[in-house]
N, C-alpha and C. Protein backbone atom coordinates (compact mmCIF):
# COMPACT_ATOMS: atom_id res chain seq x y z
N MET A 1 -323.27 105.17 37.73
CA MET A 1 -324.18 105.83 38.56
C MET A 1 -324.92 104.38 39.69
N GLN A 2 -325.06 104.42 40.92
CA GLN A 2 -325.30 103.54 41.74
C GLN A 2 -326.94 103.66 42.54
N THR A 3 -327.32 102.39 42.70
CA THR A 3 -328.42 102.50 43.21
C THR A 3 -328.33 102.45 44.47
N SER A 4 -329.22 102.52 45.37
CA SER A 4 -329.10 102.75 47.19
C SER A 4 -328.62 101.45 47.44
N ASN A 5 -328.80 100.35 46.88
CA ASN A 5 -328.17 99.16 47.54
C ASN A 5 -327.00 98.92 46.91
N GLY A 6 -326.35 100.11 46.50
CA GLY A 6 -324.70 100.07 46.04
C GLY A 6 -324.20 99.40 44.71
N GLN A 7 -325.19 98.68 43.96
CA GLN A 7 -325.11 98.16 42.69
C GLN A 7 -325.14 99.01 41.51
N GLY A 8 -324.18 99.11 40.80
CA GLY A 8 -324.54 99.87 39.49
C GLY A 8 -325.84 100.05 38.50
N VAL A 9 -326.36 100.89 37.99
CA VAL A 9 -327.43 100.74 37.33
C VAL A 9 -327.57 99.79 36.24
N GLY A 10 -326.38 99.68 35.67
CA GLY A 10 -326.33 98.65 34.27
C GLY A 10 -326.01 97.10 34.88
N SER A 11 -325.97 97.00 36.28
CA SER A 11 -325.52 95.40 36.96
C SER A 11 -326.36 94.74 36.10
N ASN A 12 -325.63 93.37 35.75
CA ASN A 12 -326.55 92.46 35.22
C ASN A 12 -326.99 91.32 36.36
N VAL A 13 -327.13 91.64 37.60
CA VAL A 13 -327.59 90.74 38.69
C VAL A 13 -328.98 90.53 38.34
N HIS A 14 -329.92 91.40 38.14
CA HIS A 14 -331.05 91.05 37.61
C HIS A 14 -331.66 91.32 36.22
N SER A 15 -330.45 91.29 35.38
CA SER A 15 -331.04 91.46 34.01
C SER A 15 -331.71 90.45 33.30
N VAL A 16 -332.76 91.19 32.46
CA VAL A 16 -333.53 89.65 31.72
C VAL A 16 -332.86 89.25 30.84
N ASN A 17 -331.70 89.42 30.18
CA ASN A 17 -330.80 88.99 29.23
C ASN A 17 -329.60 88.75 30.06
N THR A 18 -328.90 87.54 29.69
CA THR A 18 -327.90 87.03 30.45
C THR A 18 -326.66 87.25 29.96
N THR A 19 -326.49 88.29 28.89
CA THR A 19 -325.10 88.38 28.38
C THR A 19 -324.27 89.30 29.03
N VAL A 20 -323.23 88.97 28.91
CA VAL A 20 -321.98 89.85 29.78
C VAL A 20 -322.11 91.17 29.47
N ASP A 21 -321.69 92.17 30.35
CA ASP A 21 -321.74 93.86 30.26
C ASP A 21 -321.22 93.76 28.96
N ALA A 22 -321.88 94.84 28.30
CA ALA A 22 -321.62 95.40 26.84
C ALA A 22 -320.28 95.99 26.84
N ARG A 23 -319.69 96.57 27.80
CA ARG A 23 -318.19 97.09 27.79
C ARG A 23 -317.25 96.03 27.21
N GLN A 24 -317.37 94.97 27.63
CA GLN A 24 -316.69 93.61 27.07
C GLN A 24 -317.28 92.88 26.09
N ALA A 25 -318.09 93.37 25.37
CA ALA A 25 -318.83 92.73 24.34
C ALA A 25 -318.04 93.15 22.91
N SER A 26 -317.73 94.44 22.76
CA SER A 26 -316.84 94.90 21.72
C SER A 26 -315.47 94.49 21.69
N ASN A 27 -314.98 93.52 20.92
CA ASN A 27 -313.75 92.94 20.92
C ASN A 27 -313.68 93.16 19.07
N VAL A 28 -312.62 94.44 18.93
CA VAL A 28 -312.82 94.94 17.69
C VAL A 28 -311.69 93.83 16.71
N GLY A 29 -311.05 93.18 17.55
CA GLY A 29 -310.04 92.11 16.88
C GLY A 29 -310.79 90.88 16.20
N ASN A 30 -311.96 90.74 16.43
CA ASN A 30 -312.66 89.60 15.93
C ASN A 30 -313.40 90.19 14.71
N PRO A 31 -313.61 89.23 13.56
CA PRO A 31 -314.51 89.84 12.57
C PRO A 31 -315.67 89.60 12.85
N LEU A 32 -316.78 90.40 12.30
CA LEU A 32 -318.16 90.17 12.48
C LEU A 32 -318.64 88.87 11.53
N THR A 33 -319.51 88.13 12.55
CA THR A 33 -320.21 86.79 11.74
C THR A 33 -321.39 87.40 10.83
N THR A 34 -321.47 86.47 9.98
CA THR A 34 -322.55 86.61 8.74
C THR A 34 -323.95 87.31 9.63
N SER A 35 -324.09 86.47 10.40
CA SER A 35 -325.60 87.23 11.08
C SER A 35 -325.16 88.67 11.53
N GLN A 36 -324.26 88.78 12.53
CA GLN A 36 -323.99 90.10 12.91
C GLN A 36 -323.67 91.36 11.60
N ALA A 37 -323.09 90.90 10.53
CA ALA A 37 -323.24 91.98 9.39
C ALA A 37 -324.40 92.06 8.69
N GLU A 38 -325.27 91.16 8.91
CA GLU A 38 -326.52 91.12 8.43
C GLU A 38 -327.37 92.20 8.97
N PHE A 39 -327.33 91.79 10.30
CA PHE A 39 -328.07 92.54 11.65
C PHE A 39 -327.59 94.21 11.27
N LEU A 40 -326.30 94.27 11.19
CA LEU A 40 -325.84 95.76 10.84
C LEU A 40 -326.23 96.34 9.88
N TYR A 41 -326.44 95.68 8.53
CA TYR A 41 -326.93 95.87 7.21
C TYR A 41 -328.41 96.44 7.39
N LEU A 42 -329.17 95.69 8.29
CA LEU A 42 -330.66 95.76 8.25
C LEU A 42 -330.90 97.20 9.17
N ILE A 43 -329.96 97.26 10.01
CA ILE A 43 -330.13 98.54 11.00
C ILE A 43 -329.71 99.70 10.07
N GLU A 44 -328.61 99.75 9.19
CA GLU A 44 -328.36 100.90 8.26
C GLU A 44 -329.40 101.08 7.19
N CYS A 45 -330.16 99.92 6.61
CA CYS A 45 -331.40 100.05 5.56
C CYS A 45 -332.49 100.71 6.38
N HIS A 46 -333.01 100.36 7.41
CA HIS A 46 -333.77 100.91 8.19
C HIS A 46 -333.48 102.22 8.55
N GLY A 47 -332.59 102.55 9.18
CA GLY A 47 -332.26 103.94 9.64
C GLY A 47 -332.30 103.68 11.02
N SER A 48 -330.84 104.06 11.50
CA SER A 48 -330.33 103.83 13.05
C SER A 48 -331.24 105.16 13.89
N ARG A 49 -331.62 106.41 13.29
CA ARG A 49 -332.32 107.19 13.93
C ARG A 49 -333.65 106.79 14.35
N GLU A 50 -334.29 106.30 13.01
CA GLU A 50 -335.78 105.62 13.34
C GLU A 50 -336.15 104.38 14.35
N LEU A 51 -334.83 103.74 14.40
CA LEU A 51 -334.90 102.87 15.37
C LEU A 51 -334.55 103.34 16.87
N SER A 52 -333.63 104.32 16.95
CA SER A 52 -333.39 105.09 18.27
C SER A 52 -334.66 105.61 18.99
N GLN A 53 -335.80 106.06 17.91
CA GLN A 53 -336.84 107.02 17.99
C GLN A 53 -337.86 106.01 18.39
N SER A 54 -338.04 104.82 17.95
CA SER A 54 -338.75 103.79 18.41
C SER A 54 -338.58 103.48 19.66
N LEU A 55 -337.52 102.96 19.96
CA LEU A 55 -336.74 102.27 21.14
C LEU A 55 -337.22 103.16 22.00
N LYS A 56 -336.92 104.49 22.08
CA LYS A 56 -337.19 105.49 22.93
C LYS A 56 -338.71 105.78 23.32
N MET A 57 -339.30 105.47 22.20
CA MET A 57 -341.12 105.82 22.35
C MET A 57 -341.56 104.83 23.14
N ILE A 58 -341.24 103.59 23.01
CA ILE A 58 -341.46 102.28 23.74
C ILE A 58 -341.00 102.06 25.21
N HIS A 59 -340.13 102.88 25.60
CA HIS A 59 -339.64 102.87 26.61
C HIS A 59 -340.37 104.01 27.67
N ASP A 60 -340.37 104.98 26.86
CA ASP A 60 -341.22 106.20 27.43
C ASP A 60 -342.85 105.72 27.90
N LEU A 61 -343.23 105.17 26.86
CA LEU A 61 -344.87 104.62 26.98
C LEU A 61 -344.94 103.56 28.07
N ALA A 62 -344.06 102.92 27.95
CA ALA A 62 -343.97 101.96 29.37
C ALA A 62 -343.83 102.47 30.61
N LEU A 63 -342.95 103.44 30.77
CA LEU A 63 -342.28 104.05 32.10
C LEU A 63 -343.28 105.03 32.53
N TYR A 64 -343.90 106.08 31.32
CA TYR A 64 -344.64 107.30 32.05
C TYR A 64 -346.05 107.05 31.71
N HIS A 65 -346.56 106.09 30.96
CA HIS A 65 -347.79 106.25 30.63
C HIS A 65 -348.44 104.74 30.69
N SER A 66 -347.92 103.80 31.64
CA SER A 66 -348.30 102.64 32.14
C SER A 66 -348.72 102.32 33.69
N ASP A 67 -349.90 101.80 33.79
CA ASP A 67 -350.22 101.66 35.37
C ASP A 67 -349.54 100.28 35.79
N VAL A 68 -348.83 99.77 34.99
CA VAL A 68 -348.32 98.67 35.50
C VAL A 68 -346.90 98.62 36.25
N PRO A 69 -346.96 98.16 37.47
CA PRO A 69 -345.93 98.11 38.31
C PRO A 69 -344.59 97.91 37.94
N PHE A 70 -343.45 98.00 38.06
CA PHE A 70 -342.16 97.40 37.59
C PHE A 70 -341.41 97.00 38.71
N GLY A 71 -340.74 95.85 38.57
CA GLY A 71 -339.98 95.24 39.41
C GLY A 71 -338.34 95.35 39.01
N VAL A 72 -337.62 94.51 39.54
CA VAL A 72 -336.35 94.53 38.97
C VAL A 72 -336.06 94.04 37.79
N ALA A 73 -336.73 93.08 37.23
CA ALA A 73 -336.39 92.77 35.65
C ALA A 73 -337.10 93.62 34.80
N GLU A 74 -338.20 94.07 34.99
CA GLU A 74 -338.85 95.48 34.01
C GLU A 74 -337.95 96.53 33.92
N LYS A 75 -337.33 97.24 35.10
CA LYS A 75 -336.25 98.11 35.19
C LYS A 75 -335.38 97.61 34.57
N SER A 76 -334.82 96.54 34.28
CA SER A 76 -333.50 96.42 33.58
C SER A 76 -333.84 96.24 32.19
N ALA A 77 -335.33 95.67 31.84
CA ALA A 77 -335.66 95.25 30.42
C ALA A 77 -335.40 97.04 29.96
N LEU A 78 -335.94 97.88 30.82
CA LEU A 78 -336.28 99.07 30.35
C LEU A 78 -334.83 99.92 30.03
N PHE A 79 -333.89 99.62 31.08
CA PHE A 79 -332.54 100.21 31.03
C PHE A 79 -331.96 99.46 29.80
N ASP A 80 -332.20 98.08 29.30
CA ASP A 80 -331.57 97.52 28.06
C ASP A 80 -332.25 98.10 27.03
N LEU A 81 -333.55 98.67 26.84
CA LEU A 81 -333.82 99.87 25.77
C LEU A 81 -333.05 100.98 25.69
N LYS A 82 -332.88 101.43 26.74
CA LYS A 82 -332.19 102.94 26.66
C LYS A 82 -330.85 102.67 26.25
N VAL A 83 -330.04 101.60 26.65
CA VAL A 83 -328.76 101.37 26.00
C VAL A 83 -328.58 101.05 24.24
N LEU A 84 -329.95 100.56 24.01
CA LEU A 84 -329.82 100.32 22.54
C LEU A 84 -330.07 101.88 21.59
N TRP A 85 -331.16 102.31 22.41
CA TRP A 85 -331.46 103.52 21.58
C TRP A 85 -330.39 104.47 21.72
N GLU A 86 -329.62 104.37 23.20
CA GLU A 86 -328.45 105.40 23.08
C GLU A 86 -327.45 105.04 21.90
N GLY A 87 -327.10 103.87 21.84
CA GLY A 87 -326.29 103.18 20.81
C GLY A 87 -326.75 103.70 19.30
N PHE A 88 -327.89 103.35 19.06
CA PHE A 88 -328.22 103.90 17.82
C PHE A 88 -328.22 105.27 17.30
N GLU A 89 -328.55 106.01 18.45
CA GLU A 89 -328.18 107.42 18.28
C GLU A 89 -326.75 107.63 17.92
N ARG A 90 -325.61 107.09 18.50
CA ARG A 90 -324.26 107.06 18.32
C ARG A 90 -323.95 106.99 16.72
N MET A 91 -324.57 105.74 16.42
CA MET A 91 -324.71 105.31 14.92
C MET A 91 -324.68 106.17 13.99
N HIS A 92 -325.67 106.77 14.30
CA HIS A 92 -326.74 107.93 13.55
C HIS A 92 -325.84 109.04 13.46
N GLN A 93 -325.11 109.37 14.46
CA GLN A 93 -324.43 110.73 14.81
C GLN A 93 -323.02 110.50 13.76
N LYS A 94 -322.56 109.33 13.58
CA LYS A 94 -321.33 108.92 13.14
C LYS A 94 -321.90 108.96 11.53
N ASP A 95 -322.84 108.85 11.16
CA ASP A 95 -323.17 108.84 9.70
C ASP A 95 -323.06 110.11 8.82
């Protein structure tokens, strides 16, 4: 999906975090670090479905129930939340 200026919605040009595109982040060949494994364990213990619902709720509250104007950085942060909750939803579906 592209915006009116021709950039993709997930474009990192104005992203709040400076990480690389998520499609490049999943390198199956490298084993997980200890901190990555601990993070995934915490997600499993807490529940990916619950985390997904919480992130979606925060997103919707900020977007639909706030009078605060959103700039490019805020829109990018909301998109980051969407990426996370959709990832957690996919994790839950595989369980």
